C-alpha cells in the first residue's frame, strides 16, 4: 500500500478507498462467484486494483490466457 493510500490517526493506519475501487472490488467479488470466472477474477483484481493496469492487452491476457 502506498503512503498516499493511507491516513494515520492516533498511530493507526486507515486505508482510503475510492468509489471506483470499491465498485471494482465488488464487481470482482461477484465475478469470482461465477464458476468459469473465479480464476480470472483474481487475476483481474490484481491487475486492475493492485497494479493499476487498465490496458486492453493486459486485461485480454488475464481473461484469455491461452490465446497468446
Protein backbone atom coordinates (compact mmCIF):
# COMPACT_ATOMS: atom_id res chain seq x y z
CA UNK A 1 0.00 0.00 0.00
CA UNK A 2 1.36 3.38 -0.97
CA UNK A 3 1.60 6.17 1.62
CA UNK A 4 -0.94 8.17 -0.41
CA UNK A 5 -3.47 5.38 0.20
CA UNK A 6 -3.20 5.68 3.98
CA UNK A 7 -4.06 8.12 6.73
CA UNK A 8 -2.50 7.96 10.14
CA UNK A 9 -4.88 8.54 13.01
CA UNK A 10 -3.59 8.04 16.54
CA UNK A 11 -0.86 5.66 15.39
CA UNK A 12 -3.26 3.52 13.32
CA UNK A 13 -3.19 3.32 9.57
CA UNK A 14 -6.55 3.58 7.83
CA UNK A 15 -6.86 2.71 4.15
CA UNK A 16 -8.59 5.31 1.99
CA UNK A 17 -10.75 3.64 -0.65
CA UNK A 18 -12.02 5.41 -3.73
CA UNK A 19 -15.55 4.90 -5.03
CA UNK A 20 -14.18 3.40 -8.24
CA UNK A 21 -12.00 0.99 -6.26
CA UNK A 22 -14.95 -0.08 -4.14
CA UNK A 23 -17.15 -0.65 -7.21
CA UNK A 24 -14.44 -2.64 -8.98
CA UNK A 25 -13.74 -4.67 -5.85
CA UNK A 26 -17.43 -5.55 -5.56
CA UNK A 27 -17.51 -6.47 -9.25
CA UNK A 28 -14.52 -8.79 -8.87
CA UNK A 29 -16.09 -10.38 -5.77
CA UNK A 30 -19.26 -11.16 -7.75
CA UNK A 31 -17.29 -12.33 -10.77
CA UNK A 32 -15.33 -14.74 -8.56
CA UNK A 33 -18.62 -16.42 -7.60
CA UNK A 34 -19.26 -17.38 -11.24
CA UNK A 35 -17.92 -20.86 -11.81
CA UNK A 36 -15.92 -20.29 -15.01
CA UNK A 37 -14.58 -16.87 -13.99
CA UNK A 38 -13.29 -17.47 -10.47
CA UNK A 39 -9.64 -17.81 -11.51
CA UNK A 40 -9.56 -14.89 -13.93
CA UNK A 41 -11.45 -12.68 -11.43
CA UNK A 42 -8.49 -12.87 -9.06
CA UNK A 43 -6.05 -12.15 -11.89
CA UNK A 44 -8.13 -9.16 -12.98
CA UNK A 45 -8.36 -7.90 -9.38
CA UNK A 46 -4.56 -7.98 -9.04
CA UNK A 47 -4.05 -6.40 -12.46
CA UNK A 48 -6.53 -3.55 -12.04
CA UNK A 49 -6.69 -2.82 -8.30
CA UNK A 50 -3.14 -3.67 -7.20
CA UNK A 51 -1.04 -2.95 -10.30
CA UNK A 52 -3.32 -0.20 -11.67
CA UNK A 53 -3.20 -1.52 -15.24
CA UNK A 54 -6.21 -0.86 -17.47
CA UNK A 55 -4.60 -1.52 -20.87
CA UNK A 56 -6.62 -3.75 -23.19
CA UNK A 57 -3.80 -6.25 -23.97
CA UNK A 58 -3.16 -6.92 -20.27
CA UNK A 59 -6.88 -7.30 -19.49
CA UNK A 60 -7.36 -9.55 -22.53
CA UNK A 61 -4.44 -11.71 -21.38
CA UNK A 62 -5.98 -12.05 -17.91
CA UNK A 63 -9.34 -13.07 -19.41
CA UNK A 64 -7.96 -15.36 -22.14
CA UNK A 65 -4.53 -16.64 -21.03
CA UNK A 66 -4.50 -19.45 -23.62
CA UNK A 67 -4.95 -17.15 -26.61
CA UNK A 68 -1.33 -15.97 -26.81
